[in-house]
Amino acid sequence: MEHYLHYFINHFGYIGIMIVLMLGIVGMPIPDELLLTYVGYRISVGSLSYPIAFICSFFGATIGISISYCLGVALGLPFLRKFGPKIHITEKRMEQTKTLFAKLGPSVLFICYFIPGIRHVAAFLAGANAYDWKKFMVYAYSGAFVWIFTFLAIGNYLGENWIKIKQYMDSYRSFFALFFIFLVVLLTLYWYYQQKKK
């Protein structure tokens, strides 16, 4: 994987980062977290510019999730059920995402980036269920911002040991998911509390 990422970024540069993230968010089986962590490592050694890498990553992620939303609006759930398994979007993942939407509402669009498999479905379901576009952008785009910042920072911090993120993600994936769900719930409760005070 390390040689693949090294080859790809050396040949396609910042545009390659944007395209790969866009395809990964739409649903292609691409290791997005590994890519971002590797980009963070390349930033740490000075071979990539942080501002440009961040902007390209952000555009890639937001374009990808917007395409998923638009596909959901245009094609609906029957399309996802029929063709989802071909790109590793199973019925189980669809049900998990529905459950999260039922419990957390649009906040799922924020945390979905940190839950591989769920992020590929969340935007499509939001479109299929006619979520408001402006609300979608607020949650999905802010989630992309935090997700990209997090993994670029991890790659920058780990340096040459960036590949260890794969071991951490495999071991603590459930913990990360629960942590971010808990964080979003706390922030939502705080927001409601502030609204009631007003």
Protein backbone atom coordinates (compact mmCIF):
# COMPACT_ATOMS: atom_id res chain seq x y z
CA MET A 1 0.00 0.00 0.00
CA GLU A 2 2.83 2.40 0.85
CA HIS A 3 4.43 1.94 -2.59
CA TYR A 4 1.07 2.40 -4.29
CA LEU A 5 0.36 5.70 -2.50
CA HIS A 6 3.91 6.93 -3.09
CA TYR A 7 3.66 6.15 -6.82
CA PHE A 8 0.20 7.68 -7.18
CA ILE A 9 0.97 10.98 -5.43
CA ASN A 10 4.32 11.34 -7.19
CA HIS A 11 2.62 10.97 -10.58
CA PHE A 12 -0.67 12.79 -10.03
CA GLY A 13 0.10 15.15 -7.17
CA TYR A 14 -2.62 17.27 -5.58
CA ILE A 15 -5.19 16.54 -8.28
CA GLY A 16 -4.69 12.83 -7.63
CA ILE A 17 -5.46 13.35 -3.93
CA MET A 18 -8.69 15.13 -4.83
CA ILE A 19 -9.81 12.47 -7.33
CA VAL A 20 -9.05 9.52 -5.04
CA LEU A 21 -10.94 11.05 -2.11
CA MET A 22 -13.88 11.92 -4.36
CA LEU A 23 -14.11 8.32 -5.59
CA GLY A 24 -13.64 6.94 -2.07
CA ILE A 25 -16.52 9.00 -0.66
CA VAL A 26 -18.80 8.02 -3.55
CA GLY A 27 -18.23 4.38 -2.69
CA MET A 28 -15.14 3.00 -4.39
CA PRO A 29 -13.12 0.64 -2.11
CA ILE A 30 -10.30 3.11 -1.47
CA PRO A 31 -8.46 3.46 1.90
CA ASP A 32 -9.23 7.15 2.43
CA GLU A 33 -7.79 7.37 5.96
CA LEU A 34 -4.53 5.80 4.82
CA LEU A 35 -4.30 8.26 1.93
CA LEU A 36 -4.87 11.27 4.19
CA THR A 37 -2.38 9.97 6.77
CA TYR A 38 0.21 9.44 4.06
CA VAL A 39 -0.44 12.96 2.74
CA GLY A 40 0.10 14.21 6.30
CA TYR A 41 3.43 12.38 6.40
CA ARG A 42 4.46 13.91 3.06
CA ILE A 43 3.59 17.33 4.45
CA SER A 44 5.81 16.64 7.49
CA VAL A 45 8.86 16.02 5.27
CA GLY A 46 8.15 19.08 3.14
CA SER A 47 7.29 17.35 -0.14
CA LEU A 48 3.68 18.61 -0.11
CA SER A 49 2.22 21.98 0.86
CA TYR A 50 -0.22 21.79 3.77
CA PRO A 51 -2.65 24.48 2.51
CA ILE A 52 -2.83 23.06 -1.02
CA ALA A 53 -3.10 19.45 0.18
CA PHE A 54 -5.86 20.41 2.61
CA ILE A 55 -7.84 22.35 0.01
CA CYS A 56 -7.57 19.53 -2.56
CA SER A 57 -8.56 16.96 0.05
CA PHE A 58 -11.52 19.09 1.13
CA PHE A 59 -12.71 19.58 -2.44
CA GLY A 60 -12.36 15.86 -3.15
CA ALA A 61 -14.35 14.85 -0.07
CA THR A 62 -17.10 17.45 -0.49
CA ILE A 63 -17.51 16.79 -4.22
CA GLY A 64 -17.71 13.05 -3.52
CA ILE A 65 -20.31 13.34 -0.78
CA SER A 66 -22.33 15.82 -2.86
CA ILE A 67 -22.37 13.37 -5.77
CA SER A 68 -23.62 10.65 -3.40
CA TYR A 69 -26.38 12.98 -2.18
CA CYS A 70 -27.43 13.85 -5.74
CA LEU A 71 -27.44 10.17 -6.70
CA GLY A 72 -29.70 9.52 -3.73
CA VAL A 73 -32.10 12.24 -4.90
CA ALA A 74 -32.10 10.98 -8.49
CA LEU A 75 -32.02 7.19 -8.03
CA GLY A 76 -33.43 6.45 -4.58
CA LEU A 77 -33.15 3.41 -2.33
CA PRO A 78 -34.08 0.72 -4.90
CA PHE A 79 -30.91 1.58 -6.85
CA LEU A 80 -28.74 1.32 -3.72
CA ARG A 81 -30.24 -2.04 -2.78
CA LYS A 82 -29.65 -3.38 -6.28
CA PHE A 83 -26.15 -2.11 -6.98
CA GLY A 84 -24.79 -1.35 -3.49
CA PRO A 85 -23.40 -4.85 -2.83
CA LYS A 86 -21.24 -4.54 -5.94
CA ILE A 87 -19.30 -1.72 -4.26
CA HIS A 88 -19.39 -3.30 -0.77
CA ILE A 89 -22.47 -1.40 0.44
CA THR A 90 -24.40 -4.19 2.11
CA GLU A 91 -27.95 -4.28 3.44
CA LYS A 92 -26.47 -4.43 6.95
CA ARG A 93 -24.61 -1.15 6.43
CA MET A 94 -27.75 0.46 5.05
CA GLU A 95 -29.71 -0.61 8.13
CA GLN A 96 -26.94 0.61 10.45
CA THR A 97 -26.98 4.00 8.74
CA LYS A 98 -30.78 4.23 8.96
CA THR A 99 -30.59 3.48 12.67
CA LEU A 100 -28.00 6.23 13.18
CA PHE A 101 -30.15 8.71 11.25
CA ALA A 102 -33.15 7.79 13.39
CA LYS A 103 -31.17 8.40 16.61
CA LEU A 104 -28.95 11.33 15.64
CA GLY A 105 -30.63 12.99 12.66
CA PRO A 106 -28.41 14.95 10.26
CA SER A 107 -25.49 14.77 12.71
CA VAL A 108 -24.78 11.41 11.08
CA LEU A 109 -23.52 13.34 8.06
CA PHE A 110 -20.84 14.84 10.30
CA ILE A 111 -19.64 11.68 12.02
CA CYS A 112 -20.02 9.35 9.02
CA TYR A 113 -16.54 10.20 7.74
CA PHE A 114 -15.06 8.48 10.78
CA ILE A 115 -17.03 5.26 10.20
CA PRO A 116 -15.84 3.51 7.02
CA GLY A 117 -18.74 1.86 5.24
CA ILE A 118 -21.25 4.25 6.79
CA ARG A 119 -19.92 7.36 5.07
CA HIS A 120 -20.51 5.70 1.71
CA VAL A 121 -24.21 5.32 2.50
CA ALA A 122 -25.12 8.34 4.64
CA ALA A 123 -25.16 10.97 1.90
CA PHE A 124 -27.06 8.70 -0.51
CA LEU A 125 -29.72 8.05 2.15
CA ALA A 126 -29.92 11.77 2.92
CA GLY A 127 -30.63 12.46 -0.76
CA ALA A 128 -33.09 9.59 -1.09
CA ASN A 129 -35.00 10.88 1.96
CA ALA A 130 -35.07 14.47 0.62
CA TYR A 131 -32.92 16.05 3.34
CA ASP A 132 -32.69 19.80 2.95
CA TRP A 133 -29.67 20.68 0.77
CA LYS A 134 -28.48 23.53 2.99
CA LYS A 135 -28.68 21.38 6.12
CA PHE A 136 -26.85 18.63 4.26
CA MET A 137 -24.02 21.01 3.31
CA VAL A 138 -23.60 22.34 6.86
CA TYR A 139 -23.21 18.90 8.43
CA ALA A 140 -21.47 17.05 5.60
CA TYR A 141 -18.96 19.77 4.72
CA SER A 142 -18.06 20.56 8.33
CA GLY A 143 -17.57 16.82 8.89
CA ALA A 144 -15.24 16.68 5.91
CA PHE A 145 -13.23 19.58 7.32
CA VAL A 146 -12.73 17.91 10.72
CA TRP A 147 -12.04 14.46 9.20
CA ILE A 148 -9.35 15.78 6.85
CA PHE A 149 -7.76 17.93 9.53
CA THR A 150 -7.66 14.94 11.92
CA PHE A 151 -5.93 12.48 9.60
CA LEU A 152 -3.52 15.02 8.10
CA ALA A 153 -2.53 15.91 11.67
CA ILE A 154 -2.08 12.23 12.57
CA GLY A 155 0.12 11.66 9.51
CA ASN A 156 2.12 14.77 10.31
CA TYR A 157 2.60 13.62 13.90
CA LEU A 158 3.49 10.00 13.12
CA GLY A 159 5.93 10.93 10.34
CA GLU A 160 7.64 7.86 8.92
CA ASN A 161 5.48 5.67 11.15
CA TRP A 162 2.30 6.86 9.38
CA ILE A 163 1.45 3.31 8.25
CA LYS A 164 0.70 2.41 11.91
CA ILE A 165 -2.64 4.19 11.52
CA LYS A 166 -3.89 1.09 9.71
CA GLN A 167 -3.24 -1.04 12.79
CA TYR A 168 -4.91 1.52 15.04
CA MET A 169 -7.95 1.82 12.78
CA ASP A 170 -8.36 -1.95 12.58
CA SER A 171 -8.05 -2.33 16.35
CA TYR A 172 -9.99 0.71 17.54
CA ARG A 173 -12.50 1.36 14.75
CA SER A 174 -15.48 0.72 17.05
CA PHE A 175 -14.02 2.97 19.74
CA PHE A 176 -13.55 5.85 17.27
CA ALA A 177 -17.11 5.48 16.02
CA LEU A 178 -18.58 5.48 19.54
CA PHE A 179 -16.41 8.41 20.58
CA PHE A 180 -17.57 10.61 17.73
CA ILE A 181 -21.20 9.60 18.19
CA PHE A 182 -20.89 10.52 21.88
CA LEU A 183 -19.24 13.84 20.97
CA VAL A 184 -21.97 14.75 18.49
CA VAL A 185 -24.70 13.86 21.00
CA LEU A 186 -23.05 16.12 23.60
CA LEU A 187 -22.74 19.00 21.13
CA THR A 188 -26.36 18.56 20.04
CA LEU A 189 -27.61 18.58 23.63
CA TYR A 190 -25.52 21.68 24.34
CA TRP A 191 -26.99 23.42 21.28
CA TYR A 192 -30.56 22.60 22.36
CA TYR A 193 -29.79 23.85 25.87
CA GLN A 194 -28.50 27.15 24.49
CA GLN A 195 -31.58 27.51 22.27
CA LYS A 196 -33.89 26.97 25.24
CA LYS A 197 -32.02 29.59 27.27
CA LYS A 198 -32.59 32.11 24.47
